[in-house]
Amino acid sequence: MKTAGKPPKVALVAIMRKLITALNAMIRNKQKWALA
């Protein structure tokens, strides 16, 4: 995203949204946090 000329804050928000989506899916499926 940075290479496309977007400000760092935009990239940060995109990453946060991705994490929140993943966490919501984990909660929905009653999964524990596990890295790969």
PDB file of N, CA and C in Angstrom:
ATOM      1  N   MET A   1       0.822  -1.194   0.000  1.00  0.00           N
ATOM      2  CA  MET A   1       0.000   0.000   0.000  1.00  0.00           C
ATOM      3  C   MET A   1       0.865   1.256   0.000  1.00  0.00           C
ATOM      4  N   LYS A   2       1.940   1.188   0.764  1.00  0.00           N
ATOM      5  CA  LYS A   2       2.830   2.346   0.824  1.00  0.00           C
ATOM      6  C   LYS A   2       3.400   2.654  -0.550  1.00  0.00           C
ATOM      7  N   THR A   3       3.686   1.610  -1.313  1.00  0.00           N
ATOM      8  CA  THR A   3       4.267   1.813  -2.638  1.00  0.00           C
ATOM      9  C   THR A   3       3.268   2.486  -3.575  1.00  0.00           C
ATOM     10  N   ALA A   4       1.967   2.360  -3.278  1.00  0.00           N
ATOM     11  CA  ALA A   4       0.943   2.991  -4.111  1.00  0.00           C
ATOM     12  C   ALA A   4       0.780   4.465  -3.745  1.00  0.00           C
ATOM     13  N   GLY A   5       1.609   4.953  -2.798  1.00  0.00           N
ATOM     14  CA  GLY A   5       1.580   6.353  -2.436  1.00  0.00           C
ATOM     15  C   GLY A   5       0.543   6.698  -1.379  1.00  0.00           C
ATOM     16  N   LYS A   6       0.084   5.671  -0.655  1.00  0.00           N
ATOM     17  CA  LYS A   6      -0.903   5.920   0.403  1.00  0.00           C
ATOM     18  C   LYS A   6      -0.167   6.337   1.680  1.00  0.00           C
ATOM     19  N   PRO A   7      -0.795   7.200   2.478  1.00  0.00           N
ATOM     20  CA  PRO A   7      -0.141   7.563   3.750  1.00  0.00           C
ATOM     21  C   PRO A   7      -0.057   6.359   4.687  1.00  0.00           C
ATOM     22  N   PRO A   8       0.949   6.343   5.579  1.00  0.00           N
ATOM     23  CA  PRO A   8       1.131   5.199   6.484  1.00  0.00           C
ATOM     24  C   PRO A   8      -0.109   4.888   7.316  1.00  0.00           C
ATOM     25  N   LYS A   9      -0.864   5.922   7.688  1.00  0.00           N
ATOM     26  CA  LYS A   9      -2.049   5.721   8.526  1.00  0.00           C
ATOM     27  C   LYS A   9      -3.077   4.852   7.806  1.00  0.00           C
ATOM     28  N   VAL A  10      -3.200   5.024   6.500  1.00  0.00           N
ATOM     29  CA  VAL A  10      -4.162   4.233   5.716  1.00  0.00           C
ATOM     30  C   VAL A  10      -3.773   2.760   5.743  1.00  0.00           C
ATOM     31  N   ALA A  11      -2.482   2.484   5.594  1.00  0.00           N
ATOM     32  CA  ALA A  11      -1.993   1.107   5.631  1.00  0.00           C
ATOM     33  C   ALA A  11      -2.238   0.507   7.012  1.00  0.00           C
ATOM     34  N   LEU A  12      -2.008   1.308   8.061  1.00  0.00           N
ATOM     35  CA  LEU A  12      -2.208   0.843   9.432  1.00  0.00           C
ATOM     36  C   LEU A  12      -3.666   0.479   9.675  1.00  0.00           C
ATOM     37  N   VAL A  13      -4.581   1.320   9.216  1.00  0.00           N
ATOM     38  CA  VAL A  13      -6.012   1.054   9.393  1.00  0.00           C
ATOM     39  C   VAL A  13      -6.409  -0.215   8.648  1.00  0.00           C
ATOM     40  N   ALA A  14      -5.847  -0.428   7.467  1.00  0.00           N
ATOM     41  CA  ALA A  14      -6.152  -1.632   6.694  1.00  0.00           C
ATOM     42  C   ALA A  14      -5.699  -2.881   7.448  1.00  0.00           C
ATOM     43  N   ILE A  15      -4.521  -2.816   8.063  1.00  0.00           N
ATOM     44  CA  ILE A  15      -4.002  -3.950   8.832  1.00  0.00           C
ATOM     45  C   ILE A  15      -4.889  -4.199  10.056  1.00  0.00           C
ATOM     46  N   MET A  16      -5.293  -3.122  10.734  1.00  0.00           N
ATOM     47  CA  MET A  16      -6.158  -3.248  11.901  1.00  0.00           C
ATOM     48  C   MET A  16      -7.482  -3.900  11.531  1.00  0.00           C
ATOM     49  N   ARG A  17      -8.050  -3.474  10.416  1.00  0.00           N
ATOM     50  CA  ARG A  17      -9.329  -4.046   9.965  1.00  0.00           C
ATOM     51  C   ARG A  17      -9.176  -5.545   9.700  1.00  0.00           C
ATOM     52  N   LYS A  18      -8.057  -5.910   9.075  1.00  0.00           N
ATOM     53  CA  LYS A  18      -7.798  -7.315   8.762  1.00  0.00           C
ATOM     54  C   LYS A  18      -7.715  -8.142  10.046  1.00  0.00           C
ATOM     55  N   LEU A  19      -6.997  -7.601  11.050  1.00  0.00           N
ATOM     56  CA  LEU A  19      -6.862  -8.290  12.335  1.00  0.00           C
ATOM     57  C   LEU A  19      -8.210  -8.449  13.031  1.00  0.00           C
ATOM     58  N   ILE A  20      -9.000  -7.382  13.031  1.00  0.00           N
ATOM     59  CA  ILE A  20     -10.313  -7.417  13.683  1.00  0.00           C
ATOM     60  C   ILE A  20     -11.205  -8.451  13.013  1.00  0.00           C
ATOM     61  N   THR A  21     -11.161  -8.508  11.692  1.00  0.00           N
ATOM     62  CA  THR A  21     -11.957  -9.494  10.956  1.00  0.00           C
ATOM     63  C   THR A  21     -11.538 -10.908  11.348  1.00  0.00           C
ATOM     64  N   ALA A  22     -10.229 -11.142  11.427  1.00  0.00           N
ATOM     65  CA  ALA A  22      -9.719 -12.460  11.799  1.00  0.00           C
ATOM     66  C   ALA A  22     -10.132 -12.823  13.222  1.00  0.00           C
ATOM     67  N   LEU A  23     -10.028 -11.852  14.142  1.00  0.00           N
ATOM     68  CA  LEU A  23     -10.399 -12.102  15.537  1.00  0.00           C
ATOM     69  C   LEU A  23     -11.883 -12.408  15.658  1.00  0.00           C
ATOM     70  N   ASN A  24     -12.706 -11.673  14.934  1.00  0.00           N
ATOM     71  CA  ASN A  24     -14.144 -11.924  14.962  1.00  0.00           C
ATOM     72  C   ASN A  24     -14.463 -13.329  14.463  1.00  0.00           C
ATOM     73  N   ALA A  25     -13.781 -13.765  13.418  1.00  0.00           N
ATOM     74  CA  ALA A  25     -13.994 -15.108  12.885  1.00  0.00           C
ATOM     75  C   ALA A  25     -13.586 -16.159  13.916  1.00  0.00           C
ATOM     76  N   MET A  26     -12.475 -15.907  14.621  1.00  0.00           N
ATOM     77  CA  MET A  26     -12.013 -16.848  15.646  1.00  0.00           C
ATOM     78  C   MET A  26     -13.019 -16.952  16.782  1.00  0.00           C
ATOM     79  N   ILE A  27     -13.541 -15.811  17.213  1.00  0.00           N
ATOM     80  CA  ILE A  27     -14.533 -15.805  18.294  1.00  0.00           C
ATOM     81  C   ILE A  27     -15.786 -16.559  17.855  1.00  0.00           C
ATOM     82  N   ARG A  28     -16.202 -16.301  16.621  1.00  0.00           N
ATOM     83  CA  ARG A  28     -17.399 -16.951  16.086  1.00  0.00           C
ATOM     84  C   ARG A  28     -17.214 -18.467  16.070  1.00  0.00           C
ATOM     85  N   ASN A  29     -16.017 -18.921  15.703  1.00  0.00           N
ATOM     86  CA  ASN A  29     -15.744 -20.356  15.605  1.00  0.00           C
ATOM     87  C   ASN A  29     -15.213 -20.946  16.910  1.00  0.00           C
ATOM     88  N   LYS A  30     -15.152 -20.120  17.955  1.00  0.00           N
ATOM     89  CA  LYS A  30     -14.647 -20.546  19.273  1.00  0.00           C
ATOM     90  C   LYS A  30     -13.256 -21.177  19.172  1.00  0.00           C
ATOM     91  N   GLN A  31     -12.372 -20.510  18.436  1.00  0.00           N
ATOM     92  CA  GLN A  31     -11.006 -21.012  18.286  1.00  0.00           C
ATOM     93  C   GLN A  31     -10.078 -20.257  19.222  1.00  0.00           C
ATOM     94  N   LYS A  32      -8.955 -20.907  19.584  1.00  0.00           N
ATOM     95  CA  LYS A  32      -7.934 -20.247  20.369  1.00  0.00           C
ATOM     96  C   LYS A  32      -6.928 -19.602  19.420  1.00  0.00           C
ATOM     97  N   TRP A  33      -6.232 -18.577  19.903  1.00  0.00           N
ATOM     98  CA  TRP A  33      -5.224 -17.890  19.086  1.00  0.00           C
ATOM     99  C   TRP A  33      -4.040 -18.821  18.889  1.00  0.00           C
ATOM    100  N   ALA A  34      -3.683 -19.071  17.632  1.00  0.00           N
ATOM    101  CA  ALA A  34      -2.526 -19.898  17.343  1.00  0.00           C
ATOM    102  C   ALA A  34      -1.855 -19.362  16.087  1.00  0.00           C
ATOM    103  N   LEU A  35      -0.561 -19.154  16.161  1.00  0.00           N
ATOM    104  CA  LEU A  35       0.161 -18.643  14.999  1.00  0.00           C
ATOM    105  C   LEU A  35       0.487 -19.806  14.069  1.00  0.00           C
ATOM    106  N   ALA A  36      -0.160 -19.808  12.935  1.00  0.00           N
ATOM    107  CA  ALA A  36       0.001 -20.835  11.905  1.00  0.00           C
ATOM    108  C   ALA A  36      -0.007 -22.198  12.545  1.00  0.00           C
TER     109      ALA A  36
END
